[in-house]
């Protein structure tokens, strides 16, 4: 893995699964769907997130304060994906 000084995006392993992360405002931000996939073993984490937001009005109401679209590398190149910092994840 490259030195953090040269590259602001990395992949973290949690329980052997990949979680993409990037540095934004001098702190690590994690791809929310990657975290949900690891914690729930869901094959469709975006659907899982959508269901959580539908079932929890407070989560839906505050989603914009938790999720921030940030540029993250994907197979198709850099894309804006919803990310959260450590506080937002927990």
PDB file of N, CA and C in Angstrom:
ATOM      1  N   UNK A   1       0.850  -1.176   0.000  1.00  0.00           N
ATOM      2  CA  UNK A   1       0.000   0.000   0.000  1.00  0.00           C
ATOM      3  C   UNK A   1       0.891   1.232   0.000  1.00  0.00           C
ATOM      4  N   UNK A   2       0.464   2.250  -0.736  1.00  0.00           N
ATOM      5  CA  UNK A   2       1.256   3.464  -0.820  1.00  0.00           C
ATOM      6  C   UNK A   2       1.207   4.250   0.479  1.00  0.00           C
ATOM      7  N   UNK A   3       2.203   5.069   0.650  1.00  0.00           N
ATOM      8  CA  UNK A   3       2.258   5.960   1.806  1.00  0.00           C
ATOM      9  C   UNK A   3       1.080   6.932   1.762  1.00  0.00           C
ATOM     10  N   UNK A   4       0.486   7.228   2.904  1.00  0.00           N
ATOM     11  CA  UNK A   4      -0.678   8.114   2.981  1.00  0.00           C
ATOM     12  C   UNK A   4      -0.368   9.520   2.461  1.00  0.00           C
ATOM     13  N   UNK A   5       0.893   9.919   2.477  1.00  0.00           N
ATOM     14  CA  UNK A   5       1.252  11.237   1.966  1.00  0.00           C
ATOM     15  C   UNK A   5       1.029  11.317   0.460  1.00  0.00           C
ATOM     16  N   UNK A   6       1.179  10.193  -0.231  1.00  0.00           N
ATOM     17  CA  UNK A   6       1.067  10.172  -1.678  1.00  0.00           C
ATOM     18  C   UNK A   6      -0.330   9.830  -2.162  1.00  0.00           C
ATOM     19  N   UNK A   7      -1.146   9.229  -1.321  1.00  0.00           N
ATOM     20  CA  UNK A   7      -2.449   8.746  -1.749  1.00  0.00           C
ATOM     21  C   UNK A   7      -3.442   8.921  -0.606  1.00  0.00           C
ATOM     22  N   UNK A   8      -4.531   9.605  -0.869  1.00  0.00           N
ATOM     23  CA  UNK A   8      -5.509   9.866   0.187  1.00  0.00           C
ATOM     24  C   UNK A   8      -6.641   8.863   0.217  1.00  0.00           C
ATOM     25  N   UNK A   9      -6.606   7.841  -0.615  1.00  0.00           N
ATOM     26  CA  UNK A   9      -7.637   6.812  -0.573  1.00  0.00           C
ATOM     27  C   UNK A   9      -6.976   5.465  -0.339  1.00  0.00           C
ATOM     28  N   UNK A  10      -7.616   4.643   0.446  1.00  0.00           N
ATOM     29  CA  UNK A  10      -7.087   3.335   0.790  1.00  0.00           C
ATOM     30  C   UNK A  10      -8.224   2.350   0.925  1.00  0.00           C
ATOM     31  N   UNK A  11      -7.862   1.088   0.992  1.00  0.00           N
ATOM     32  CA  UNK A  11      -8.820   0.034   1.300  1.00  0.00           C
ATOM     33  C   UNK A  11      -8.416  -0.551   2.634  1.00  0.00           C
ATOM     34  N   UNK A  12      -9.360  -0.660   3.543  1.00  0.00           N
ATOM     35  CA  UNK A  12      -9.133  -1.231   4.860  1.00  0.00           C
ATOM     36  C   UNK A  12      -9.777  -2.600   4.899  1.00  0.00           C
ATOM     37  N   UNK A  13      -9.142  -3.538   5.585  1.00  0.00           N
ATOM     38  CA  UNK A  13      -9.732  -4.860   5.736  1.00  0.00           C
ATOM     39  C   UNK A  13     -10.355  -4.982   7.114  1.00  0.00           C
ATOM     40  N   UNK A  14     -11.587  -5.469   7.160  1.00  0.00           N
ATOM     41  CA  UNK A  14     -12.300  -5.706   8.405  1.00  0.00           C
ATOM     42  C   UNK A  14     -12.927  -7.074   8.272  1.00  0.00           C
ATOM     43  N   UNK A  15     -12.519  -7.996   9.128  1.00  0.00           N
ATOM     44  CA  UNK A  15     -12.991  -9.379   9.038  1.00  0.00           C
ATOM     45  C   UNK A  15     -12.732  -9.948   7.643  1.00  0.00           C
ATOM     46  N   UNK A  16     -11.597  -9.548   7.056  1.00  0.00           N
ATOM     47  CA  UNK A  16     -11.206 -10.059   5.750  1.00  0.00           C
ATOM     48  C   UNK A  16     -11.953  -9.442   4.581  1.00  0.00           C
ATOM     49  N   UNK A  17     -12.789  -8.442   4.830  1.00  0.00           N
ATOM     50  CA  UNK A  17     -13.551  -7.804   3.755  1.00  0.00           C
ATOM     51  C   UNK A  17     -13.069  -6.373   3.567  1.00  0.00           C
ATOM     52  N   UNK A  18     -13.183  -5.882   2.338  1.00  0.00           N
ATOM     53  CA  UNK A  18     -12.674  -4.558   2.001  1.00  0.00           C
ATOM     54  C   UNK A  18     -13.658  -3.448   2.368  1.00  0.00           C
ATOM     55  N   UNK A  19     -13.118  -2.394   2.954  1.00  0.00           N
ATOM     56  CA  UNK A  19     -13.874  -1.170   3.205  1.00  0.00           C
ATOM     57  C   UNK A  19     -13.047  -0.024   2.621  1.00  0.00           C
ATOM     58  N   UNK A  20     -13.611   0.647   1.626  1.00  0.00           N
ATOM     59  CA  UNK A  20     -12.903   1.775   1.027  1.00  0.00           C
ATOM     60  C   UNK A  20     -12.990   2.977   1.959  1.00  0.00           C
ATOM     61  N   UNK A  21     -11.902   3.756   1.983  1.00  0.00           N
ATOM     62  CA  UNK A  21     -11.872   4.952   2.824  1.00  0.00           C
ATOM     63  C   UNK A  21     -11.054   6.025   2.132  1.00  0.00           C
ATOM     64  N   UNK A  22     -11.299   7.257   2.525  1.00  0.00           N
ATOM     65  CA  UNK A  22     -10.574   8.391   1.963  1.00  0.00           C
ATOM     66  C   UNK A  22     -10.387   9.445   3.052  1.00  0.00           C
ATOM     67  N   UNK A  23      -9.422  10.308   2.856  1.00  0.00           N
ATOM     68  CA  UNK A  23      -9.202  11.397   3.809  1.00  0.00           C
ATOM     69  C   UNK A  23      -9.945  12.633   3.316  1.00  0.00           C
ATOM     70  N   UNK A  24     -10.719  13.239   4.219  1.00  0.00           N
ATOM     71  CA  UNK A  24     -11.469  14.456   3.914  1.00  0.00           C
ATOM     72  C   UNK A  24     -11.438  15.319   5.170  1.00  0.00           C
ATOM     73  N   UNK A  25     -11.063  16.566   5.025  1.00  0.00           N
ATOM     74  CA  UNK A  25     -10.934  17.480   6.171  1.00  0.00           C
ATOM     75  C   UNK A  25     -10.067  16.884   7.284  1.00  0.00           C
ATOM     76  N   UNK A  26      -8.970  16.267   6.895  1.00  0.00           N
ATOM     77  CA  UNK A  26      -7.966  15.721   7.816  1.00  0.00           C
ATOM     78  C   UNK A  26      -8.476  14.574   8.689  1.00  0.00           C
ATOM     79  N   UNK A  27      -9.517  13.859   8.232  1.00  0.00           N
ATOM     80  CA  UNK A  27      -9.970  12.671   8.963  1.00  0.00           C
ATOM     81  C   UNK A  27     -10.407  11.607   7.960  1.00  0.00           C
ATOM     82  N   UNK A  28     -10.411  10.357   8.412  1.00  0.00           N
ATOM     83  CA  UNK A  28     -10.809   9.251   7.554  1.00  0.00           C
ATOM     84  C   UNK A  28     -12.321   9.196   7.424  1.00  0.00           C
ATOM     85  N   UNK A  29     -12.779   8.981   6.198  1.00  0.00           N
ATOM     86  CA  UNK A  29     -14.194   8.795   5.882  1.00  0.00           C
ATOM     87  C   UNK A  29     -14.317   7.440   5.199  1.00  0.00           C
ATOM     88  N   UNK A  30     -15.328   6.674   5.559  1.00  0.00           N
ATOM     89  CA  UNK A  30     -15.509   5.310   5.085  1.00  0.00           C
ATOM     90  C   UNK A  30     -16.741   5.215   4.193  1.00  0.00           C
ATOM     91  N   UNK A  31     -16.679   4.375   3.159  1.00  0.00           N
ATOM     92  CA  UNK A  31     -17.830   4.167   2.275  1.00  0.00           C
ATOM     93  C   UNK A  31     -18.908   3.442   3.075  1.00  0.00           C
ATOM     94  N   UNK A  32     -20.059   4.085   3.229  1.00  0.00           N
ATOM     95  CA  UNK A  32     -21.123   3.562   4.086  1.00  0.00           C
ATOM     96  C   UNK A  32     -21.592   2.190   3.623  1.00  0.00           C
ATOM     97  N   UNK A  33     -21.773   2.000   2.328  1.00  0.00           N
ATOM     98  CA  UNK A  33     -22.266   0.703   1.841  1.00  0.00           C
ATOM     99  C   UNK A  33     -21.263  -0.418   2.112  1.00  0.00           C
ATOM    100  N   UNK A  34     -19.962  -0.118   2.094  1.00  0.00           N
ATOM    101  CA  UNK A  34     -18.954  -1.135   2.424  1.00  0.00           C
ATOM    102  C   UNK A  34     -19.067  -1.544   3.890  1.00  0.00           C
ATOM    103  N   UNK A  35     -19.247  -0.565   4.774  1.00  0.00           N
ATOM    104  CA  UNK A  35     -19.368  -0.848   6.207  1.00  0.00           C
ATOM    105  C   UNK A  35     -20.620  -1.679   6.473  1.00  0.00           C
ATOM    106  N   UNK A  36     -21.737  -1.292   5.857  1.00  0.00           N
ATOM    107  CA  UNK A  36     -22.991  -2.036   6.039  1.00  0.00           C
ATOM    108  C   UNK A  36     -22.847  -3.462   5.517  1.00  0.00           C
ATOM    109  N   UNK A  37     -22.189  -3.632   4.381  1.00  0.00           N
ATOM    110  CA  UNK A  37     -21.993  -4.975   3.820  1.00  0.00           C
ATOM    111  C   UNK A  37     -21.205  -5.860   4.779  1.00  0.00           C
ATOM    112  N   UNK A  38     -20.163  -5.310   5.393  1.00  0.00           N
ATOM    113  CA  UNK A  38     -19.339  -6.082   6.320  1.00  0.00           C
ATOM    114  C   UNK A  38     -20.108  -6.416   7.600  1.00  0.00           C
ATOM    115  N   UNK A  39     -20.816  -5.439   8.140  1.00  0.00           N
ATOM    116  CA  UNK A  39     -21.497  -5.646   9.421  1.00  0.00           C
ATOM    117  C   UNK A  39     -22.748  -6.512   9.316  1.00  0.00           C
ATOM    118  N   UNK A  40     -23.386  -6.525   8.155  1.00  0.00           N
ATOM    119  CA  UNK A  40     -24.656  -7.253   8.012  1.00  0.00           C
ATOM    120  C   UNK A  40     -24.553  -8.484   7.132  1.00  0.00           C
ATOM    121  N   UNK A  41     -23.438  -8.669   6.446  1.00  0.00           N
ATOM    122  CA  UNK A  41     -23.281  -9.735   5.450  1.00  0.00           C
ATOM    123  C   UNK A  41     -24.326  -9.620   4.344  1.00  0.00           C
ATOM    124  N   UNK A  42     -24.836  -8.427   4.120  1.00  0.00           N
ATOM    125  CA  UNK A  42     -25.831  -8.189   3.078  1.00  0.00           C
ATOM    126  C   UNK A  42     -25.166  -8.227   1.707  1.00  0.00           C
ATOM    127  N   UNK A  43     -25.836  -8.865   0.755  1.00  0.00           N
ATOM    128  CA  UNK A  43     -25.331  -8.874  -0.619  1.00  0.00           C
ATOM    129  C   UNK A  43     -25.776  -7.620  -1.364  1.00  0.00           C
ATOM    130  N   UNK A  44     -26.748  -6.895  -0.790  1.00  0.00           N
ATOM    131  CA  UNK A  44     -27.231  -5.648  -1.384  1.00  0.00           C
ATOM    132  C   UNK A  44     -27.248  -4.549  -0.314  1.00  0.00           C
ATOM    133  N   UNK A  45     -26.066  -4.054   0.049  1.00  0.00           N
ATOM    134  CA  UNK A  45     -26.002  -3.080   1.140  1.00  0.00           C
ATOM    135  C   UNK A  45     -26.761  -1.784   0.852  1.00  0.00           C
ATOM    136  N   UNK A  46     -26.817  -1.352  -0.409  1.00  0.00           N
ATOM    137  CA  UNK A  46     -27.556  -0.119  -0.707  1.00  0.00           C
ATOM    138  C   UNK A  46     -29.045  -0.305  -0.447  1.00  0.00           C
ATOM    139  N   UNK A  47     -29.584  -1.474  -0.766  1.00  0.00           N
ATOM    140  CA  UNK A  47     -30.979  -1.781  -0.454  1.00  0.00           C
ATOM    141  C   UNK A  47     -31.208  -1.855   1.042  1.00  0.00           C
ATOM    142  N   UNK A  48     -30.237  -2.416   1.755  1.00  0.00           N
ATOM    143  CA  UNK A  48     -30.320  -2.507   3.217  1.00  0.00           C
ATOM    144  C   UNK A  48     -30.378  -1.105   3.825  1.00  0.00           C
ATOM    145  N   UNK A  49     -29.521  -0.214   3.317  1.00  0.00           N
ATOM    146  CA  UNK A  49     -29.497   1.168   3.805  1.00  0.00           C
ATOM    147  C   UNK A  49     -30.833   1.851   3.506  1.00  0.00           C
ATOM    148  N   UNK A  50     -31.340   1.664   2.304  1.00  0.00           N
ATOM    149  CA  UNK A  50     -32.623   2.262   1.926  1.00  0.00           C
ATOM    150  C   UNK A  50     -33.736   1.780   2.853  1.00  0.00           C
ATOM    151  N   UNK A  51     -33.742   0.476   3.168  1.00  0.00           N
ATOM    152  CA  UNK A  51     -34.745  -0.073   4.090  1.00  0.00           C
ATOM    153  C   UNK A  51     -34.599   0.520   5.488  1.00  0.00           C
ATOM    154  N   UNK A  52     -33.358   0.665   5.968  1.00  0.00           N
ATOM    155  CA  UNK A  52     -33.129   1.260   7.292  1.00  0.00           C
ATOM    156  C   UNK A  52     -33.669   2.683   7.343  1.00  0.00           C
ATOM    157  N   UNK A  53     -33.412   3.440   6.299  1.00  0.00           N
ATOM    158  CA  UNK A  53     -33.875   4.830   6.266  1.00  0.00           C
ATOM    159  C   UNK A  53     -35.400   4.904   6.200  1.00  0.00           C
ATOM    160  N   UNK A  54     -36.011   3.971   5.491  1.00  0.00           N
ATOM    161  CA  UNK A  54     -37.471   3.948   5.384  1.00  0.00           C
ATOM    162  C   UNK A  54     -38.105   3.594   6.727  1.00  0.00           C
ATOM    163  N   UNK A  55     -37.491   2.676   7.453  1.00  0.00           N
ATOM    164  CA  UNK A  55     -38.049   2.202   8.727  1.00  0.00           C
ATOM    165  C   UNK A  55     -37.751   3.119   9.909  1.00  0.00           C
ATOM    166  N   UNK A  56     -36.713   3.929   9.791  1.00  0.00           N
ATOM    167  CA  UNK A  56     -36.300   4.790  10.902  1.00  0.00           C
ATOM    168  C   UNK A  56     -36.400   6.260  10.481  1.00  0.00           C
ATOM    169  N   UNK A  57     -37.494   6.920  10.841  1.00  0.00           N
ATOM    170  CA  UNK A  57     -37.682   8.314  10.421  1.00  0.00           C
ATOM    171  C   UNK A  57     -36.565   9.254  10.895  1.00  0.00           C
ATOM    172  N   UNK A  58     -36.013   9.005  12.069  1.00  0.00           N
ATOM    173  CA  UNK A  58     -34.931   9.863  12.575  1.00  0.00           C
ATOM    174  C   UNK A  58     -33.671   9.706  11.725  1.00  0.00           C
ATOM    175  N   UNK A  59     -33.369   8.485  11.316  1.00  0.00           N
ATOM    176  CA  UNK A  59     -32.213   8.249  10.444  1.00  0.00           C
ATOM    177  C   UNK A  59     -32.441   8.934   9.103  1.00  0.00           C
ATOM    178  N   UNK A  60     -33.630   8.776   8.546  1.00  0.00           N
ATOM    179  CA  UNK A  60     -33.948   9.400   7.262  1.00  0.00           C
ATOM    180  C   UNK A  60     -33.832  10.922   7.353  1.00  0.00           C
ATOM    181  N   UNK A  61     -34.313  11.473   8.445  1.00  0.00           N
ATOM    182  CA  UNK A  61     -34.292  12.923   8.652  1.00  0.00           C
ATOM    183  C   UNK A  61     -32.859  13.455   8.764  1.00  0.00           C
ATOM    184  N   UNK A  62     -31.986  12.721   9.432  1.00  0.00           N
ATOM    185  CA  UNK A  62     -30.618  13.175   9.651  1.00  0.00           C
ATOM    186  C   UNK A  62     -29.605  12.630   8.667  1.00  0.00           C
ATOM    187  N   UNK A  63     -30.061  11.922   7.641  1.00  0.00           N
ATOM    188  CA  UNK A  63     -29.140  11.259   6.706  1.00  0.00           C
ATOM    189  C   UNK A  63     -28.157  12.240   6.069  1.00  0.00           C
ATOM    190  N   UNK A  64     -28.623  13.431   5.726  1.00  0.00           N
ATOM    191  CA  UNK A  64     -27.756  14.424   5.096  1.00  0.00           C
ATOM    192  C   UNK A  64     -26.628  14.898   5.996  1.00  0.00           C
ATOM    193  N   UNK A  65     -26.784  14.753   7.300  1.00  0.00           N
ATOM    194  CA  UNK A  65     -25.727  15.127   8.236  1.00  0.00           C
ATOM    195  C   UNK A  65     -24.746  13.985   8.454  1.00  0.00           C
ATOM    196  N   UNK A  66     -25.162  12.764   8.129  1.00  0.00           N
ATOM    197  CA  UNK A  66     -24.307  11.588   8.312  1.00  0.00           C
ATOM    198  C   UNK A  66     -23.528  11.291   7.041  1.00  0.00           C
ATOM    199  N   UNK A  67     -24.237  11.246   5.920  1.00  0.00           N
ATOM    200  CA  UNK A  67     -23.643  10.830   4.645  1.00  0.00           C
ATOM    201  C   UNK A  67     -23.163  12.035   3.849  1.00  0.00           C
ATOM    202  N   UNK A  68     -21.919  11.951   3.392  1.00  0.00           N
ATOM    203  CA  UNK A  68     -21.326  12.986   2.550  1.00  0.00           C
ATOM    204  C   UNK A  68     -20.787  12.321   1.294  1.00  0.00           C
ATOM    205  N   UNK A  69     -21.251  12.726   0.109  1.00  0.00           N
ATOM    206  CA  UNK A  69     -20.716  12.136  -1.122  1.00  0.00           C
ATOM    207  C   UNK A  69     -19.277  12.605  -1.348  1.00  0.00           C
ATOM    208  N   UNK A  70     -18.358  11.650  -1.399  1.00  0.00           N
ATOM    209  CA  UNK A  70     -16.945  11.954  -1.628  1.00  0.00           C
ATOM    210  C   UNK A  70     -16.431  11.127  -2.795  1.00  0.00           C
ATOM    211  N   UNK A  71     -15.411  11.623  -3.479  1.00  0.00           N
ATOM    212  CA  UNK A  71     -14.820  10.895  -4.602  1.00  0.00           C
ATOM    213  C   UNK A  71     -14.011   9.717  -4.088  1.00  0.00           C
ATOM    214  N   UNK A  72     -14.375   8.536  -4.594  1.00  0.00           N
ATOM    215  CA  UNK A  72     -13.727   7.294  -4.181  1.00  0.00           C
ATOM    216  C   UNK A  72     -13.463   6.480  -5.449  1.00  0.00           C
ATOM    217  N   UNK A  73     -12.298   5.824  -5.550  1.00  0.00           N
ATOM    218  CA  UNK A  73     -12.035   5.020  -6.745  1.00  0.00           C
ATOM    219  C   UNK A  73     -12.938   3.787  -6.809  1.00  0.00           C
ATOM    220  N   UNK A  74     -13.477   3.527  -8.003  1.00  0.00           N
ATOM    221  CA  UNK A  74     -14.282   2.336  -8.254  1.00  0.00           C
ATOM    222  C   UNK A  74     -13.730   1.659  -9.503  1.00  0.00           C
ATOM    223  N   UNK A  75     -14.310   0.540  -9.882  1.00  0.00           N
ATOM    224  CA  UNK A  75     -13.879  -0.141 -11.102  1.00  0.00           C
ATOM    225  C   UNK A  75     -14.071   0.742 -12.332  1.00  0.00           C
ATOM    226  N   UNK A  76     -15.036   1.657 -12.276  1.00  0.00           N
ATOM    227  CA  UNK A  76     -15.326   2.554 -13.393  1.00  0.00           C
ATOM    228  C   UNK A  76     -14.600   3.890 -13.278  1.00  0.00           C
ATOM    229  N   UNK A  77     -13.701   4.031 -12.321  1.00  0.00           N
ATOM    230  CA  UNK A  77     -12.988   5.284 -12.098  1.00  0.00           C
ATOM    231  C   UNK A  77     -13.488   5.971 -10.836  1.00  0.00           C
ATOM    232  N   UNK A  78     -13.103   7.221 -10.655  1.00  0.00           N
ATOM    233  CA  UNK A  78     -13.509   7.971  -9.463  1.00  0.00           C
ATOM    234  C   UNK A  78     -15.001   8.292  -9.545  1.00  0.00           C
ATOM    235  N   UNK A  79     -15.705   8.026  -8.436  1.00  0.00           N
ATOM    236  CA  UNK A  79     -17.130   8.336  -8.365  1.00  0.00           C
ATOM    237  C   UNK A  79     -17.447   8.889  -6.987  1.00  0.00           C
ATOM    238  N   UNK A  80     -18.473   9.727  -6.928  1.00  0.00           N
ATOM    239  CA  UNK A  80     -18.934  10.242  -5.631  1.00  0.00           C
ATOM    240  C   UNK A  80     -19.814   9.177  -4.988  1.00  0.00           C
ATOM    241  N   UNK A  81     -19.410   8.752  -3.790  1.00  0.00           N
ATOM    242  CA  UNK A  81     -20.116   7.705  -3.051  1.00  0.00           C
ATOM    243  C   UNK A  81     -20.355   8.224  -1.637  1.00  0.00           C
ATOM    244  N   UNK A  82     -21.501   7.875  -1.061  1.00  0.00           N
ATOM    245  CA  UNK A  82     -21.814   8.309   0.304  1.00  0.00           C
ATOM    246  C   UNK A  82     -20.814   7.734   1.292  1.00  0.00           C
ATOM    247  N   UNK A  83     -20.189   8.629   2.043  1.00  0.00           N
ATOM    248  CA  UNK A  83     -19.202   8.251   3.052  1.00  0.00           C
ATOM    249  C   UNK A  83     -19.593   8.879   4.385  1.00  0.00           C
ATOM    250  N   UNK A  84     -19.037   8.326   5.449  1.00  0.00           N
ATOM    251  CA  UNK A  84     -19.249   8.879   6.784  1.00  0.00           C
ATOM    252  C   UNK A  84     -17.945   8.771   7.561  1.00  0.00           C
ATOM    253  N   UNK A  85     -17.757   9.720   8.478  1.00  0.00           N
ATOM    254  CA  UNK A  85     -16.591   9.637   9.348  1.00  0.00           C
ATOM    255  C   UNK A  85     -16.890   8.643  10.472  1.00  0.00           C
ATOM    256  N   UNK A  86     -15.951   8.451  11.362  1.00  0.00           N
ATOM    257  CA  UNK A  86     -16.128   7.472  12.436  1.00  0.00           C
ATOM    258  C   UNK A  86     -17.359   7.783  13.276  1.00  0.00           C
ATOM    259  N   UNK A  87     -17.582   9.045  13.588  1.00  0.00           N
ATOM    260  CA  UNK A  87     -18.753   9.430  14.377  1.00  0.00           C
ATOM    261  C   UNK A  87     -20.050   9.079  13.645  1.00  0.00           C
ATOM    262  N   UNK A  88     -20.098   9.333  12.354  1.00  0.00           N
ATOM    263  CA  UNK A  88     -21.295   9.040  11.574  1.00  0.00           C
ATOM    264  C   UNK A  88     -21.569   7.558  11.430  1.00  0.00           C
ATOM    265  N   UNK A  89     -20.507   6.763  11.344  1.00  0.00           N
ATOM    266  CA  UNK A  89     -20.673   5.310  11.210  1.00  0.00           C
ATOM    267  C   UNK A  89     -21.276   4.734  12.479  1.00  0.00           C
ATOM    268  N   UNK A  90     -20.809   5.212  13.632  1.00  0.00           N
ATOM    269  CA  UNK A  90     -21.292   4.635  14.887  1.00  0.00           C
ATOM    270  C   UNK A  90     -22.451   5.415  15.440  1.00  0.00           C
TER     271      UNK A  90
END
